[in-house]
Protein backbone atom coordinates (compact mmCIF):
# COMPACT_ATOMS: atom_id res chain seq x y z
CA UNK A 1 -36.86 12.26 26.47
CA UNK A 2 -37.23 10.84 29.95
CA UNK A 3 -33.94 11.30 31.90
CA UNK A 4 -34.09 7.70 33.16
CA UNK A 5 -34.32 6.39 29.59
CA UNK A 6 -31.38 8.58 28.58
CA UNK A 7 -29.25 7.15 31.43
CA UNK A 8 -30.36 3.59 30.64
CA UNK A 9 -29.52 4.11 26.96
CA UNK A 10 -26.05 5.38 27.90
CA UNK A 11 -25.44 2.37 30.12
CA UNK A 12 -26.49 -0.02 27.34
CA UNK A 13 -24.24 1.81 24.83
CA UNK A 14 -21.22 1.68 27.17
CA UNK A 15 -21.82 -2.01 27.87
CA UNK A 16 -22.06 -2.76 24.14
CA UNK A 17 -18.82 -0.90 23.39
CA UNK A 18 -16.99 -2.55 26.27
CA UNK A 19 -18.30 -5.95 25.20
CA UNK A 20 -16.70 -5.45 21.77
CA UNK A 21 -13.36 -4.55 23.32
CA UNK A 22 -13.50 -7.59 25.57
CA UNK A 23 -14.25 -9.84 22.60
CA UNK A 24 -11.22 -8.47 20.72
CA UNK A 25 -9.02 -8.94 23.78
CA UNK A 26 -10.25 -12.53 24.10
CA UNK A 27 -9.42 -13.10 20.41
CA UNK A 28 -5.92 -11.65 20.87
CA UNK A 29 -5.28 -13.77 23.96
CA UNK A 30 -6.80 -16.80 22.23
CA UNK A 31 -4.40 -16.50 19.28
CA UNK A 32 -1.31 -17.16 21.42
CA UNK A 33 -2.37 -20.52 22.92
CA UNK A 34 -3.62 -21.70 19.50
CA UNK A 35 -0.29 -20.84 17.89
CA UNK A 36 1.60 -22.50 20.74
CA UNK A 37 -0.53 -25.65 20.40
CA UNK A 38 0.07 -25.81 16.63
CA UNK A 39 3.81 -25.22 17.12
CA UNK A 40 3.92 -28.05 19.66
CA UNK A 41 2.06 -30.30 17.21
CA UNK A 42 4.70 -29.50 14.57
CA UNK A 43 7.51 -30.30 17.00
CA UNK A 44 5.83 -33.61 17.84
CA UNK A 45 5.43 -34.48 14.14
CA UNK A 46 9.10 -33.70 13.48
CA UNK A 47 10.06 -36.05 16.28
CA UNK A 48 13.64 -37.05 16.99
CA UNK A 49 14.99 -36.05 13.52
CA UNK A 50 17.15 -39.17 13.39
CA UNK A 51 19.54 -39.53 10.46
CA UNK A 52 22.44 -41.68 9.34
CA UNK A 53 23.68 -39.10 6.82
CA UNK A 54 22.77 -35.78 5.20
CA UNK A 55 20.50 -37.45 2.62
CA UNK A 56 17.96 -38.18 5.39
CA UNK A 57 17.56 -34.50 6.31
CA UNK A 58 15.14 -31.92 4.92
CA UNK A 59 14.28 -28.29 5.73
CA UNK A 60 10.77 -26.88 6.05
CA UNK A 61 9.79 -23.20 6.12
CA UNK A 62 7.61 -22.20 9.05
CA UNK A 63 5.65 -19.05 9.78
CA UNK A 64 4.83 -16.01 7.68
CA UNK A 65 6.56 -12.65 8.06
CA UNK A 66 5.31 -9.26 6.87
CA UNK A 67 6.76 -9.76 3.37
CA UNK A 68 5.31 -13.25 3.01
CA UNK A 69 8.51 -15.19 3.64
CA UNK A 70 9.01 -17.71 6.45
CA UNK A 71 9.83 -16.58 9.98
CA UNK A 72 11.99 -19.65 10.60
CA UNK A 73 13.13 -22.95 9.19
CA UNK A 74 13.09 -26.34 10.87
CA UNK A 75 15.07 -29.46 10.09
CA UNK A 76 13.36 -32.85 9.93
CA UNK A 77 14.21 -36.37 8.86
CA UNK A 78 12.24 -37.95 6.04
CA UNK A 79 12.91 -41.31 7.70
CA UNK A 80 10.96 -40.51 10.85
CA UNK A 81 8.55 -37.74 9.79
CA UNK A 82 5.23 -38.04 7.98
CA UNK A 83 5.85 -35.28 5.41
CA UNK A 84 2.18 -34.89 4.40
CA UNK A 85 1.04 -34.54 8.02
CA UNK A 86 3.88 -32.08 8.72
CA UNK A 87 3.03 -29.94 5.69
CA UNK A 88 -0.64 -29.89 6.66
CA UNK A 89 0.16 -28.81 10.22
CA UNK A 90 2.60 -26.14 8.98
CA UNK A 91 -0.09 -24.76 6.66
CA UNK A 92 -2.52 -24.66 9.60
CA UNK A 93 0.07 -22.85 11.75
CA UNK A 94 0.91 -20.38 8.96
CA UNK A 95 -2.77 -19.60 8.41
CA UNK A 96 -3.36 -18.96 12.14
CA UNK A 97 -0.22 -16.81 12.36
CA UNK A 98 -1.12 -14.78 9.29
CA UNK A 99 -4.66 -14.30 10.61
CA UNK A 100 -3.33 -13.05 13.96
CA UNK A 101 -1.00 -10.65 12.14
CA UNK A 102 -3.81 -9.30 9.94
CA UNK A 103 -5.97 -8.68 13.00
CA UNK A 104 -3.07 -6.77 14.57
CA UNK A 105 -2.53 -9.21 17.44
CA UNK A 106 1.02 -10.01 16.34
CA UNK A 107 3.57 -7.90 14.51
CA UNK A 108 6.19 -9.33 12.21
CA UNK A 109 9.29 -7.82 10.67
CA UNK A 110 9.85 -7.95 6.93
CA UNK A 111 13.05 -9.95 6.60
CA UNK A 112 14.45 -12.07 3.83
CA UNK A 113 16.92 -14.85 4.50
CA UNK A 114 18.12 -17.66 2.29
CA UNK A 115 16.84 -21.16 2.97
CA UNK A 116 19.35 -22.89 5.22
CA UNK A 117 20.89 -26.27 4.52
CA UNK A 118 20.27 -29.09 6.97
CA UNK A 119 23.06 -31.27 8.28
CA UNK A 120 23.23 -34.65 10.00
CA UNK A 121 25.13 -34.09 13.24
CA UNK A 122 25.50 -36.86 15.82
CA UNK A 123 22.63 -38.79 14.25
CA UNK A 124 20.19 -35.85 14.24
CA UNK A 125 19.06 -33.50 11.48
CA UNK A 126 19.88 -29.91 12.46
CA UNK A 127 20.30 -26.51 10.91
CA UNK A 128 23.83 -25.45 11.83
CA UNK A 129 24.23 -21.97 13.33
CA UNK A 130 25.08 -19.34 10.76
CA UNK A 131 23.46 -21.17 7.84
């Protein structure tokens, strides 16, 4: 084989391999902003979590850990939150997070914790510390 063709073939092979690595790195970097955007959308949907008593407050599971359970819980008010829109956005977030974990971009611990109970504190739905 012509030595110039051998060198050219090597250059093409190295470029192809490096291109694959760059694409994976772009995917890994791209997962973080997408997750941040979805998390911000969820926060916006939850809104001010206003309540007049405990009956107005609900808890939603968010995220997916290595065992399939949620990574966190958020409190929201059924009075000021569109539950269907919130559930749709949480499902979108969970799917993106699980996809990033399967691709190895994010690592999650396998933890199990009981679902917390929301409370109405100073007119806002919250999850008290330690619950």
